[in-house]
N, C-alpha and C. Protein backbone atom coordinates (compact mmCIF):
# COMPACT_ATOMS: atom_id res chain seq x y z
N PRO A 1 41.15 -1.57 61.07
CA PRO A 1 40.09 -1.95 60.59
C PRO A 1 39.28 -2.65 59.41
N ARG A 2 38.35 -3.47 59.42
CA ARG A 2 37.57 -4.21 58.54
C ARG A 2 36.11 -3.82 58.04
N ALA A 3 36.34 -3.59 56.87
CA ALA A 3 35.05 -3.22 55.78
C ALA A 3 34.34 -4.57 54.99
N ALA A 4 33.47 -4.36 54.64
CA ALA A 4 32.93 -5.39 54.16
C ALA A 4 33.04 -4.89 52.45
N LEU A 5 32.94 -3.50 52.29
CA LEU A 5 33.19 -2.79 50.67
C LEU A 5 33.91 -1.86 50.83
N VAL A 6 34.97 -1.79 50.09
CA VAL A 6 35.71 -0.61 49.97
C VAL A 6 35.65 -0.06 48.48
N HIS A 7 35.14 1.30 48.29
CA HIS A 7 35.00 2.47 47.09
C HIS A 7 36.37 3.08 46.57
N TRP A 8 37.15 3.02 46.12
CA TRP A 8 38.15 4.09 45.93
C TRP A 8 37.91 4.68 44.50
N CYS A 9 38.09 5.96 44.57
CA CYS A 9 37.79 6.92 43.53
C CYS A 9 39.17 7.79 43.93
N GLY A 10 40.03 7.83 42.90
CA GLY A 10 41.04 8.58 42.63
C GLY A 10 41.63 8.08 41.49
N HIS A 11 42.89 8.37 41.71
CA HIS A 11 44.26 8.42 40.58
C HIS A 11 45.22 7.42 41.10
N THR A 12 45.89 6.41 40.04
CA THR A 12 46.35 5.64 39.84
C THR A 12 47.36 5.35 39.38
N ARG A 13 48.98 5.67 40.23
CA ARG A 13 49.87 5.92 39.51
C ARG A 13 50.60 5.03 39.47
N ALA A 14 51.50 5.17 38.02
CA ALA A 14 52.20 3.92 37.36
C ALA A 14 53.35 3.28 38.43
N GLU A 15 54.10 3.84 39.15
CA GLU A 15 54.87 3.91 40.49
C GLU A 15 54.53 4.33 41.68
N ALA A 16 54.54 3.81 42.50
CA ALA A 16 54.64 4.79 43.98
C ALA A 16 55.75 4.60 44.28
N ARG A 17 56.08 4.89 45.58
CA ARG A 17 57.52 5.13 46.55
C ARG A 17 58.33 4.36 46.31
N ASP A 18 57.80 3.04 46.28
CA ASP A 18 58.53 1.18 46.28
C ASP A 18 58.78 1.12 44.79
N GLY A 19 58.51 1.93 43.75
CA GLY A 19 59.02 1.05 42.17
C GLY A 19 57.57 0.64 41.97
N ARG A 20 56.81 0.43 42.64
CA ARG A 20 55.32 -0.64 42.09
C ARG A 20 54.20 0.16 41.89
N PRO A 21 52.85 -0.44 41.38
CA PRO A 21 52.08 0.66 41.07
C PRO A 21 50.98 0.69 42.45
N GLY A 22 50.39 1.73 42.58
CA GLY A 22 49.82 1.93 43.74
C GLY A 22 48.85 3.41 43.48
N TRP A 23 48.24 3.84 44.55
CA TRP A 23 47.36 5.02 44.69
C TRP A 23 47.43 6.23 45.47
N THR A 24 47.34 7.15 44.73
CA THR A 24 47.91 8.61 45.47
C THR A 24 46.89 8.81 45.82
N LEU A 25 46.83 9.49 47.19
CA LEU A 25 45.57 9.46 48.53
C LEU A 25 46.09 11.06 48.24
N GLY A 26 44.68 11.74 48.88
CA GLY A 26 44.76 12.95 49.66
C GLY A 26 45.70 13.32 50.03
N GLY A 27 46.23 14.29 49.72
CA GLY A 27 47.73 15.32 50.16
C GLY A 27 48.77 14.95 49.72
N GLY A 28 48.79 14.07 48.43
CA GLY A 28 49.70 13.52 48.29
C GLY A 28 50.33 12.13 48.57
N ASP A 29 49.75 11.60 49.91
CA ASP A 29 50.12 10.24 50.18
C ASP A 29 50.06 9.14 49.48
N GLU A 30 50.34 8.45 49.45
CA GLU A 30 50.61 7.08 48.34
C GLU A 30 50.37 5.69 49.11
N LEU A 31 49.45 5.12 48.46
CA LEU A 31 49.42 3.02 48.84
C LEU A 31 49.86 2.61 47.96
N SER A 32 50.74 1.66 48.18
CA SER A 32 51.47 1.02 47.39
C SER A 32 51.09 -0.43 47.57
N GLU A 33 51.46 -1.69 46.18
CA GLU A 33 51.19 -2.96 46.35
C GLU A 33 51.58 -3.58 48.14
N VAL A 34 52.61 -2.95 48.50
CA VAL A 34 53.48 -3.38 49.37
C VAL A 34 52.28 -3.17 50.85
N ASP A 35 52.11 -1.59 50.68
CA ASP A 35 51.04 -1.16 51.65
C ASP A 35 49.72 -2.46 51.70
N LEU A 36 49.34 -2.57 50.75
CA LEU A 36 47.99 -3.22 50.71
C LEU A 36 48.54 -4.21 51.23
N LEU A 37 49.30 -5.11 50.64
CA LEU A 37 49.78 -6.63 51.19
C LEU A 37 50.22 -6.70 52.67
N GLU A 38 50.67 -5.54 52.98
CA GLU A 38 51.08 -5.58 54.69
C GLU A 38 49.53 -5.30 55.30
N ALA A 39 49.02 -4.44 55.01
CA ALA A 39 47.77 -4.38 55.53
C ALA A 39 46.68 -5.52 56.13
N GLY A 40 46.32 -6.02 54.44
CA GLY A 40 45.84 -7.11 54.52
C GLY A 40 44.43 -6.60 54.37
N LEU A 41 43.23 -7.26 53.58
CA LEU A 41 41.81 -7.01 53.48
C LEU A 41 41.33 -7.93 53.53
N ALA A 42 39.78 -8.04 54.24
CA ALA A 42 38.76 -8.79 54.20
C ALA A 42 37.53 -8.23 53.71
N ALA A 43 37.98 -7.34 52.57
CA ALA A 43 36.70 -6.67 52.01
C ALA A 43 36.26 -7.92 51.19
N ARG A 44 34.30 -8.43 50.81
CA ARG A 44 34.01 -8.79 50.09
C ARG A 44 33.94 -8.29 48.95
N LEU A 45 34.07 -6.77 48.77
CA LEU A 45 33.96 -6.01 47.37
C LEU A 45 35.26 -5.10 47.46
N VAL A 46 36.19 -4.74 46.58
CA VAL A 46 36.54 -3.64 46.37
C VAL A 46 36.66 -3.26 45.06
N VAL A 47 35.95 -1.75 44.99
CA VAL A 47 35.59 -1.07 43.92
C VAL A 47 36.61 0.13 43.83
N ALA A 48 37.64 -0.30 42.34
CA ALA A 48 38.39 0.82 42.30
C ALA A 48 38.39 1.52 41.22
N ASN A 49 37.52 2.58 40.89
CA ASN A 49 37.02 3.51 40.04
C ASN A 49 38.52 4.54 40.03
N SER A 50 39.14 4.77 39.06
CA SER A 50 40.40 5.49 39.15
C SER A 50 41.04 5.28 37.43
N CYS A 51 41.36 6.44 37.57
CA CYS A 51 42.34 6.63 36.14
C CYS A 51 43.53 6.21 36.19
N GLY A 52 44.34 6.04 34.82
CA GLY A 52 45.74 5.13 35.43
C GLY A 52 45.34 3.52 34.93
N VAL A 53 44.76 3.75 33.81
CA VAL A 53 44.15 2.31 33.69
C VAL A 53 45.37 1.21 33.25
N GLU A 54 46.40 1.66 32.52
CA GLU A 54 47.36 1.24 32.44
C GLU A 54 47.85 0.12 33.47
N GLU A 55 47.76 0.21 34.85
CA GLU A 55 48.03 -0.29 35.78
C GLU A 55 47.12 -0.71 36.28
N GLY A 56 45.86 -0.43 35.70
CA GLY A 56 44.34 -1.67 36.67
C GLY A 56 44.25 -2.43 36.73
N ALA A 57 44.94 -3.44 35.65
CA ALA A 57 45.09 -5.10 36.19
C ALA A 57 45.98 -5.25 37.20
N ARG A 58 46.91 -4.80 37.45
CA ARG A 58 47.91 -5.01 38.50
C ARG A 58 47.58 -4.44 39.77
N VAL A 59 46.96 -3.16 39.71
CA VAL A 59 46.10 -3.34 41.18
C VAL A 59 44.94 -4.04 41.62
N ALA A 60 44.15 -4.00 40.62
CA ALA A 60 43.25 -5.24 40.94
C ALA A 60 44.07 -6.49 41.48
N ARG A 61 44.93 -6.97 40.95
CA ARG A 61 45.70 -8.35 41.49
C ARG A 61 46.38 -8.34 42.92
N ALA A 62 46.97 -6.91 42.79
CA ALA A 62 47.33 -6.98 44.62
C ALA A 62 46.04 -6.80 45.39
N LEU A 63 45.36 -5.90 45.05
CA LEU A 63 43.90 -6.16 46.02
C LEU A 63 43.66 -7.55 46.07
N LEU A 64 43.34 -8.61 45.02
CA LEU A 64 42.78 -9.85 45.50
C LEU A 64 44.17 -10.53 46.27
N LEU A 65 45.31 -10.32 46.11
CA LEU A 65 45.92 -10.65 46.59
C LEU A 65 46.59 -10.52 48.38
N ALA A 66 45.85 -8.91 48.21
CA ALA A 66 45.67 -8.95 49.68
C ALA A 66 44.54 -9.26 50.77
N GLY A 67 43.96 -10.09 50.03
CA GLY A 67 42.61 -10.69 50.83
C GLY A 67 41.09 -10.17 50.26
N ALA A 68 40.90 -9.28 49.25
CA ALA A 68 40.02 -8.41 48.39
C ALA A 68 39.30 -10.23 48.10
N ARG A 69 38.06 -10.76 48.25
CA ARG A 69 37.16 -11.14 47.53
C ARG A 69 36.93 -11.14 46.16
N ASN A 70 36.64 -9.86 46.15
CA ASN A 70 36.17 -9.86 44.69
C ASN A 70 36.70 -8.29 44.56
N VAL A 71 36.77 -7.89 42.86
CA VAL A 71 37.54 -6.46 42.76
C VAL A 71 36.73 -5.84 41.39
N VAL A 72 36.71 -5.25 41.37
CA VAL A 72 35.69 -4.41 40.30
C VAL A 72 36.97 -2.82 39.89
N ALA A 73 37.39 -3.39 38.64
CA ALA A 73 38.29 -2.41 38.28
C ALA A 73 37.87 -1.79 36.59
N SER A 74 38.46 -0.79 36.44
CA SER A 74 38.51 -0.43 34.85
C SER A 74 39.72 -1.25 34.02
N LEU A 75 39.83 -1.76 33.11
CA LEU A 75 41.13 -1.72 31.88
C LEU A 75 41.10 -0.97 31.23
N TRP A 76 40.25 -0.22 30.91
CA TRP A 76 40.30 0.90 29.75
C TRP A 76 39.80 2.19 30.26
N GLU A 77 40.20 3.16 29.63
CA GLU A 77 39.90 4.77 30.05
C GLU A 77 38.27 4.74 30.10
N VAL A 78 38.05 5.73 30.91
CA VAL A 78 36.75 6.00 31.07
C VAL A 78 36.14 7.40 31.52
N GLU A 79 35.36 8.19 30.97
CA GLU A 79 35.04 9.04 31.38
C GLU A 79 34.59 9.27 32.89
N ASP A 80 34.81 10.50 33.27
CA ASP A 80 34.46 10.61 34.87
C ASP A 80 33.13 10.47 35.22
N ASP A 81 32.29 11.22 33.95
CA ASP A 81 30.57 10.98 34.78
C ASP A 81 30.34 9.69 34.16
N ALA A 82 30.88 8.83 33.50
CA ALA A 82 30.31 7.66 33.31
C ALA A 82 31.08 6.94 34.69
N ALA A 83 32.16 7.03 35.06
CA ALA A 83 32.55 6.16 36.12
C ALA A 83 31.37 6.39 37.33
N GLU A 84 31.17 7.97 37.49
CA GLU A 84 30.10 8.46 38.69
C GLU A 84 29.08 7.39 38.50
N ARG A 85 28.15 7.77 37.58
CA ARG A 85 27.04 7.03 36.82
C ARG A 85 27.41 5.19 37.24
N PHE A 86 28.44 4.68 36.88
CA PHE A 86 28.16 3.15 37.15
C PHE A 86 28.26 3.06 38.73
N GLY A 87 29.13 4.28 39.26
CA GLY A 87 29.18 3.74 40.85
C GLY A 87 27.96 4.24 41.77
N LEU A 88 27.59 4.91 40.97
CA LEU A 88 26.02 5.01 42.28
C LEU A 88 25.11 3.69 41.64
N ARG A 89 25.09 3.28 40.23
CA ARG A 89 24.07 2.47 39.79
C ARG A 89 24.06 0.67 40.85
N LEU A 90 25.79 0.70 40.97
CA LEU A 90 26.62 -0.50 41.58
C LEU A 90 26.11 -0.77 42.89
N HIS A 91 25.94 1.02 43.46
CA HIS A 91 25.91 0.18 44.85
C HIS A 91 24.22 0.70 45.07
N GLU A 92 23.55 1.28 44.16
CA GLU A 92 21.99 1.33 44.23
C GLU A 92 21.60 -0.71 44.04
N GLU A 93 22.01 -1.48 43.31
CA GLU A 93 21.86 -2.53 42.96
C GLU A 93 22.10 -3.44 44.44
N LEU A 94 22.98 -3.33 44.73
CA LEU A 94 23.82 -4.02 45.53
C LEU A 94 22.66 -3.46 47.23
N ALA A 95 22.62 -1.96 46.79
CA ALA A 95 21.72 -2.06 48.71
C ALA A 95 20.13 -2.64 47.90
N LEU A 96 19.77 -2.98 47.02
CA LEU A 96 18.34 -3.60 46.87
C LEU A 96 18.79 -4.99 46.69
N GLY A 97 20.19 -5.52 47.40
CA GLY A 97 20.21 -6.93 47.79
C GLY A 97 20.43 -8.14 46.46
N ARG A 98 20.91 -6.97 45.11
CA ARG A 98 21.62 -8.03 44.11
C ARG A 98 22.78 -8.20 44.65
N THR A 99 23.09 -9.58 44.46
CA THR A 99 24.46 -10.56 44.30
C THR A 99 25.61 -9.69 43.01
N LEU A 100 27.02 -10.24 43.48
CA LEU A 100 27.75 -9.37 42.44
C LEU A 100 27.70 -10.07 41.30
N GLY A 101 26.72 -11.50 40.92
CA GLY A 101 26.95 -11.90 39.94
C GLY A 101 25.78 -11.75 38.78
N GLU A 102 25.08 -10.96 39.65
CA GLU A 102 23.60 -10.18 38.65
C GLU A 102 23.91 -9.28 37.96
C-alpha cells in the first residue's frame, strides 16, 4: 500500500537485525534499512518522531533512498511533550493547506 504521508512515533535503535539502523515496532518486531529499501516508499512526506537520535540522520537517509520525497527527523534529543506538540502543529498546518516550505 502507498501513502502520501507516513508519521512514525517510536524508538530508533542503533542496530536492527541486519546490523543497520532501524525501528523497533510494536511487539518487538524491527524494520531495518534493508526492509525500507526493499519495500520502497512513495510518500510525499515521512515524519520520523523517534528517540535514538544518534542514528536519526542515517534513518532519514534510508527513508530518502527508499523513495520518500521529504523527511522530517530530529537530529538531537527532544522531550516527548515537545515532540508531541510539534507533530500536532505540523499536521494542523498541513491540513490548512500549508506547504512543506512554509
